[in-house]
């Protein structure tokens, strides 16, 4: 009488060798691979070998194989992935998770392939963000880098006897023609009227470089309205700009090596640096400037330095 054999723990305690012997016995009885696999699924359930494994051993038995034991395998035994080596790798990663495969392999005396198998298969790690992490570890949040250096732009206007105006531009301000025009109207002209009122009556020879902000129509119209004569020099001529060859180098000497925490610290330090400049140095710088301009004109507009 036919019946159904239910899978139970007792029926599931078969070694791989036991299963192969059963396959050999079934082949001798004349059963094919599909039938043998069906029988084993009935008895062993999810512990049964795959149909591919059953077919492989059915073929081996049919071709005359008698020994059901595993044949010796070439190469290094898998003991390299044992608990001892796993512990070694864990100790190294606990010290530094950024170690390279070569470093871990050298320090554990393991072959690179065995070491990598321990990392990926045994420890479930992979290399992300230049360090070994769990596969399910989330990507770290990107840290926003703080601004490396605090900067404050200054507009500085000077004449032969010193500073006329030092205007610190607020951080985040866009320097365009309209802004520069307002500085000329609202800051520079009142500063001249306060410090050197006679200049407005006697006439001003005004110089700034050829930056687009300075040559814009809105700016040239203001200068023309004030009847300030514009001193033009060749483009890209730092040797003909008193700020470049005199004022800025002197300020750098005073400010060099200092660190500033706030915008106000920079503004105050700049004020002190300019205040400490020798008044005679302005006279010397302007005389030098006139000589440079004359030499440039005699050289057909070529650089002086």
Protein backbone atom coordinates (compact mmCIF):
# COMPACT_ATOMS: atom_id res chain seq x y z
CA UNK A 1 0.00 0.00 0.00
CA UNK A 2 1.46 3.36 -1.08
CA UNK A 3 1.73 6.23 1.37
CA UNK A 4 3.38 9.60 1.99
CA UNK A 5 6.43 9.81 4.22
CA UNK A 6 6.40 13.09 6.16
CA UNK A 7 9.69 14.92 6.65
CA UNK A 8 10.94 14.82 10.24
CA UNK A 9 14.16 15.71 12.07
CA UNK A 10 15.14 12.04 12.16
CA UNK A 11 14.78 11.76 8.40
CA UNK A 12 16.81 14.97 7.85
CA UNK A 13 19.98 13.79 9.62
CA UNK A 14 21.66 12.57 6.46
CA UNK A 15 25.24 13.45 5.63
CA UNK A 16 26.30 14.24 2.10
CA UNK A 17 27.88 10.80 1.98
CA UNK A 18 24.56 9.19 3.02
CA UNK A 19 22.69 11.06 0.28
CA UNK A 20 25.17 9.95 -2.37
CA UNK A 21 24.86 6.32 -1.27
CA UNK A 22 21.07 6.61 -1.60
CA UNK A 23 21.50 8.08 -5.09
CA UNK A 24 23.80 5.15 -5.99
CA UNK A 25 21.26 2.66 -4.65
CA UNK A 26 18.43 4.36 -6.57
CA UNK A 27 20.44 4.29 -9.82
CA UNK A 28 20.97 0.55 -9.34
CA UNK A 29 17.17 0.21 -8.97
CA UNK A 30 16.81 1.92 -12.36
CA UNK A 31 15.48 5.30 -11.23
CA UNK A 32 16.35 8.45 -13.17
CA UNK A 33 17.57 11.74 -11.70
CA UNK A 34 14.13 13.40 -11.60
CA UNK A 35 12.59 10.50 -9.70
CA UNK A 36 15.49 10.34 -7.25
CA UNK A 37 15.29 14.08 -6.61
CA UNK A 38 11.54 13.84 -6.02
CA UNK A 39 12.06 11.06 -3.44
CA UNK A 40 14.70 13.07 -1.61
CA UNK A 41 12.53 16.19 -1.58
CA UNK A 42 9.75 14.12 -0.02
CA UNK A 43 12.00 12.88 2.77
CA UNK A 44 14.48 15.72 3.29
CA UNK A 45 12.47 18.74 2.25
CA UNK A 46 14.59 21.88 2.07
CA UNK A 47 17.66 19.87 3.10
CA UNK A 48 17.52 17.84 -0.09
CA UNK A 49 20.29 18.40 -2.67
CA UNK A 50 19.49 20.33 -5.83
CA UNK A 51 18.45 18.58 -9.02
CA UNK A 52 21.80 19.59 -10.54
CA UNK A 53 23.68 17.80 -7.74
CA UNK A 54 21.53 14.69 -8.12
CA UNK A 55 22.13 14.64 -11.88
CA UNK A 56 25.90 14.99 -11.35
CA UNK A 57 26.04 11.96 -9.06
CA UNK A 58 23.64 9.91 -11.18
CA UNK A 59 25.97 10.52 -14.13
CA UNK A 60 29.04 9.61 -12.04
CA UNK A 61 27.47 6.33 -10.82
CA UNK A 62 26.26 5.47 -14.33
CA UNK A 63 29.82 5.95 -15.62
CA UNK A 64 31.14 3.45 -13.06
CA UNK A 65 32.11 5.52 -10.04
CA UNK A 66 31.97 3.42 -6.90
CA UNK A 67 33.47 5.64 -4.18
CA UNK A 68 31.00 8.22 -2.85
CA UNK A 69 33.58 10.17 -0.83
CA UNK A 70 34.83 13.61 -1.98
CA UNK A 71 37.98 13.48 -4.03
CA UNK A 72 41.01 15.36 -2.66
CA UNK A 73 41.00 18.97 -3.85
CA UNK A 74 44.14 20.77 -5.01
CA UNK A 75 45.29 24.00 -3.40
CA UNK A 76 45.30 25.47 0.08
CA UNK A 77 42.69 24.09 2.51
CA UNK A 78 39.86 26.39 3.61
CA UNK A 79 41.19 26.43 7.16
CA UNK A 80 42.63 29.82 6.18
CA UNK A 81 39.12 31.17 6.77
CA UNK A 82 38.92 29.64 10.23
CA UNK A 83 38.16 31.35 13.52
CA UNK A 84 41.81 32.10 14.29
CA UNK A 85 42.35 34.13 11.13
CA UNK A 86 38.95 35.80 11.47
CA UNK A 87 40.01 36.98 14.93
CA UNK A 88 43.28 38.35 13.54
CA UNK A 89 41.43 40.37 10.89
CA UNK A 90 38.95 41.70 13.45
CA UNK A 91 41.78 42.92 15.69
CA UNK A 92 43.44 44.76 12.79
CA UNK A 93 40.18 46.41 11.69
CA UNK A 94 39.40 47.50 15.24
CA UNK A 95 42.66 49.46 15.21
CA UNK A 96 42.34 50.92 11.71
CA UNK A 97 39.48 50.30 9.29
CA UNK A 98 41.37 52.05 6.50
CA UNK A 99 44.00 49.33 6.13
CA UNK A 100 44.51 48.07 2.60
CA UNK A 101 44.17 44.44 1.50
CA UNK A 102 47.93 44.21 1.12
CA UNK A 103 48.53 45.48 4.67
CA UNK A 104 46.03 43.07 6.21
CA UNK A 105 47.40 40.16 4.19
CA UNK A 106 50.97 40.92 5.26
CA UNK A 107 50.16 41.37 8.95
CA UNK A 108 48.07 38.17 9.17
CA UNK A 109 50.36 36.05 6.92
CA UNK A 110 47.29 35.10 4.88
CA UNK A 111 46.99 34.80 1.15
CA UNK A 112 45.22 37.84 -0.28
CA UNK A 113 42.33 35.74 -1.66
CA UNK A 114 41.77 34.04 1.70
CA UNK A 115 41.96 37.34 3.54
CA UNK A 116 39.47 38.92 1.15
CA UNK A 117 37.12 35.93 1.62
CA UNK A 118 37.23 36.46 5.38
CA UNK A 119 36.41 40.16 4.98
CA UNK A 120 33.55 39.77 2.53
CA UNK A 121 32.03 36.35 3.28
CA UNK A 122 32.75 35.89 6.98
CA UNK A 123 32.67 39.48 8.24
CA UNK A 124 30.26 40.85 5.61
CA UNK A 125 32.51 43.86 4.95
CA UNK A 126 33.28 45.83 1.83
CA UNK A 127 35.47 48.84 1.06
CA UNK A 128 33.49 52.09 1.02
CA UNK A 129 34.66 55.65 1.55
CA UNK A 130 38.29 54.37 1.76
CA UNK A 131 37.59 52.11 4.76
CA UNK A 132 36.13 48.68 5.51
CA UNK A 133 32.46 48.91 6.51
CA UNK A 134 29.46 46.64 6.87
CA UNK A 135 27.49 46.18 3.66
CA UNK A 136 24.40 47.81 5.17
CA UNK A 137 26.24 50.72 6.81
CA UNK A 138 24.70 54.00 5.58
CA UNK A 139 26.70 56.58 3.71
CA UNK A 140 28.15 59.15 6.14
CA UNK A 141 26.68 62.62 6.03
CA UNK A 142 28.85 65.06 4.17
CA UNK A 143 30.40 67.59 6.48
CA UNK A 144 30.20 71.09 5.13
CA UNK A 145 33.64 72.59 5.11
CA UNK A 146 33.93 75.86 6.93
CA UNK A 147 35.34 78.82 5.11
CA UNK A 148 39.10 78.54 5.36
CA UNK A 149 39.91 82.25 5.52
CA UNK A 150 37.91 85.33 6.43
CA UNK A 151 38.37 88.09 3.88
CA UNK A 152 37.38 91.74 3.82
CA UNK A 153 37.81 93.88 0.70
CA UNK A 154 38.85 97.50 1.21
CA UNK A 155 38.56 100.41 -1.18
CA UNK A 156 41.46 102.74 -0.39
CA UNK A 157 41.88 106.21 -1.88
CA UNK A 158 45.10 108.10 -1.16
CA UNK A 159 46.92 111.27 -2.17
CA UNK A 160 50.45 112.60 -1.70
CA UNK A 161 50.04 113.34 2.02
CA UNK A 162 48.27 110.14 3.06
CA UNK A 163 44.93 108.38 3.10
CA UNK A 164 41.77 110.13 1.91
CA UNK A 165 39.30 107.25 2.35
CA UNK A 166 39.44 103.64 3.51
CA UNK A 167 36.12 101.92 2.89
CA UNK A 168 35.63 98.25 4.00
CA UNK A 169 33.19 96.57 1.62
CA UNK A 170 30.55 94.53 3.50
CA UNK A 171 31.00 90.78 3.07
CA UNK A 172 28.75 89.40 0.34
CA UNK A 173 28.54 92.70 -1.55
CA UNK A 174 28.86 92.53 -5.33
CA UNK A 175 31.30 95.14 -6.61
CA UNK A 176 29.79 96.49 -9.82
CA UNK A 177 29.72 99.85 -11.56
CA UNK A 178 26.67 101.06 -9.63
CA UNK A 179 28.25 100.22 -6.27
CA UNK A 180 31.54 101.90 -7.21
CA UNK A 181 29.61 104.95 -8.43
CA UNK A 182 27.84 105.25 -5.05
CA UNK A 183 31.18 105.01 -3.22
CA UNK A 184 32.54 107.90 -5.31
CA UNK A 185 29.44 110.00 -4.68
CA UNK A 186 28.56 109.13 -1.08
CA UNK A 187 31.97 108.30 0.44
CA UNK A 188 34.92 109.67 -1.51
CA UNK A 189 33.68 113.15 -2.43
CA UNK A 190 32.48 113.91 1.14
CA UNK A 191 35.84 112.61 2.49
CA UNK A 192 37.76 114.98 0.17
CA UNK A 193 35.54 117.89 1.20
CA UNK A 194 36.25 117.12 4.86
CA UNK A 195 40.02 116.44 4.70
CA UNK A 196 41.23 118.47 1.69
CA UNK A 197 38.48 120.87 0.60
CA UNK A 198 40.90 122.89 -1.48
CA UNK A 199 41.36 119.97 -3.88
CA UNK A 200 37.76 120.24 -5.07
CA UNK A 201 38.32 123.86 -6.12
CA UNK A 202 41.82 123.52 -7.56
CA UNK A 203 40.98 120.41 -9.55
CA UNK A 204 41.67 116.71 -9.09
CA UNK A 205 43.82 114.43 -11.23
CA UNK A 206 42.18 111.04 -10.55
CA UNK A 207 43.73 107.62 -11.15
CA UNK A 208 42.36 104.09 -10.95
CA UNK A 209 43.14 101.01 -13.04
CA UNK A 210 41.30 99.87 -16.17
CA UNK A 211 39.01 97.31 -14.53
CA UNK A 212 35.57 97.10 -16.23
CA UNK A 213 33.93 98.47 -13.08
CA UNK A 214 36.07 101.61 -13.35
CA UNK A 215 35.60 102.16 -17.09
CA UNK A 216 31.80 101.70 -17.10
CA UNK A 217 29.74 104.60 -18.44
CA UNK A 218 28.02 105.23 -15.10
CA UNK A 219 31.42 105.82 -13.46
CA UNK A 220 32.98 107.93 -16.22
CA UNK A 221 29.87 110.12 -16.27
CA UNK A 222 30.25 110.85 -12.54
CA UNK A 223 33.93 111.76 -12.94
CA UNK A 224 33.12 114.00 -15.88
CA UNK A 225 30.35 115.69 -13.88
CA UNK A 226 32.83 116.42 -11.07
CA UNK A 227 35.33 117.72 -13.66
CA UNK A 228 37.96 115.33 -12.33
CA UNK A 229 40.67 114.70 -14.88
CA UNK A 230 41.27 110.97 -15.35
CA UNK A 231 44.92 109.91 -15.59
CA UNK A 232 45.05 107.01 -18.04
CA UNK A 233 47.88 104.47 -18.05
CA UNK A 234 48.49 101.30 -20.10
CA UNK A 235 46.42 98.26 -19.16
CA UNK A 236 47.77 95.71 -16.69
CA UNK A 237 50.44 98.05 -15.29
CA UNK A 238 50.91 97.29 -11.57
CA UNK A 239 54.25 99.11 -11.76
CA UNK A 240 52.28 102.31 -12.38
CA UNK A 241 49.80 101.88 -9.50
CA UNK A 242 50.94 103.36 -6.15
CA UNK A 243 48.74 100.90 -4.25
CA UNK A 244 50.51 97.95 -5.88
CA UNK A 245 54.13 99.05 -5.54
CA UNK A 246 53.84 101.04 -2.29
CA UNK A 247 50.72 100.74 -0.12
CA UNK A 248 49.96 97.00 -0.30
CA UNK A 249 53.55 95.82 0.37
CA UNK A 250 53.74 98.14 3.39
CA UNK A 251 50.43 96.85 4.74
CA UNK A 252 51.51 93.23 4.30
CA UNK A 253 54.62 93.88 6.38
CA UNK A 254 52.41 95.02 9.24
CA UNK A 255 49.72 92.32 8.92
CA UNK A 256 51.96 89.32 8.20
CA UNK A 257 51.63 86.48 10.73
CA UNK A 258 48.44 87.76 12.36
CA UNK A 259 45.25 85.67 12.63
CA UNK A 260 41.79 87.22 12.72
CA UNK A 261 38.59 85.76 14.15
CA UNK A 262 36.06 88.36 13.00
CA UNK A 263 35.46 90.84 10.22
CA UNK A 264 35.86 93.69 12.69
CA UNK A 265 39.32 92.41 13.68
CA UNK A 266 40.47 92.67 10.05
CA UNK A 267 39.01 96.15 9.64
CA UNK A 268 40.73 97.44 12.79
CA UNK A 269 44.07 95.83 11.89
CA UNK A 270 43.94 97.39 8.43
CA UNK A 271 43.16 100.78 9.94
CA UNK A 272 46.17 100.50 12.26
CA UNK A 273 48.45 99.32 9.44
CA UNK A 274 47.61 102.36 7.30
CA UNK A 275 47.77 104.76 10.26
CA UNK A 276 51.29 103.54 11.12
CA UNK A 277 52.65 104.28 7.65
CA UNK A 278 55.25 107.02 7.59
CA UNK A 279 53.74 110.16 6.04
CA UNK A 280 56.97 110.80 4.18
CA UNK A 281 56.60 107.44 2.47
CA UNK A 282 53.51 108.73 0.64
CA UNK A 283 55.50 111.68 -0.71
CA UNK A 284 58.31 109.37 -1.79
CA UNK A 285 55.85 106.95 -3.40
CA UNK A 286 54.10 109.67 -5.42
CA UNK A 287 57.40 111.14 -6.62
CA UNK A 288 58.47 107.63 -7.63
CA UNK A 289 55.12 107.18 -9.37
CA UNK A 290 55.60 110.33 -11.48
CA UNK A 291 59.08 109.14 -12.48
CA UNK A 292 57.67 105.74 -13.48
CA UNK A 293 54.96 107.37 -15.60
CA UNK A 294 57.54 109.55 -17.34
CA UNK A 295 59.82 106.56 -17.97
CA UNK A 296 56.88 104.53 -19.32
CA UNK A 297 56.00 107.34 -21.73
CA UNK A 298 59.62 107.57 -22.90
CA UNK A 299 59.68 103.78 -23.44
CA UNK A 300 56.62 103.85 -25.65
CA UNK A 301 54.28 102.44 -23.00
CA UNK A 302 56.49 99.49 -21.94
CA UNK A 303 56.71 98.27 -18.36
CA UNK A 304 59.08 100.09 -16.03
CA UNK A 305 59.74 96.98 -13.85
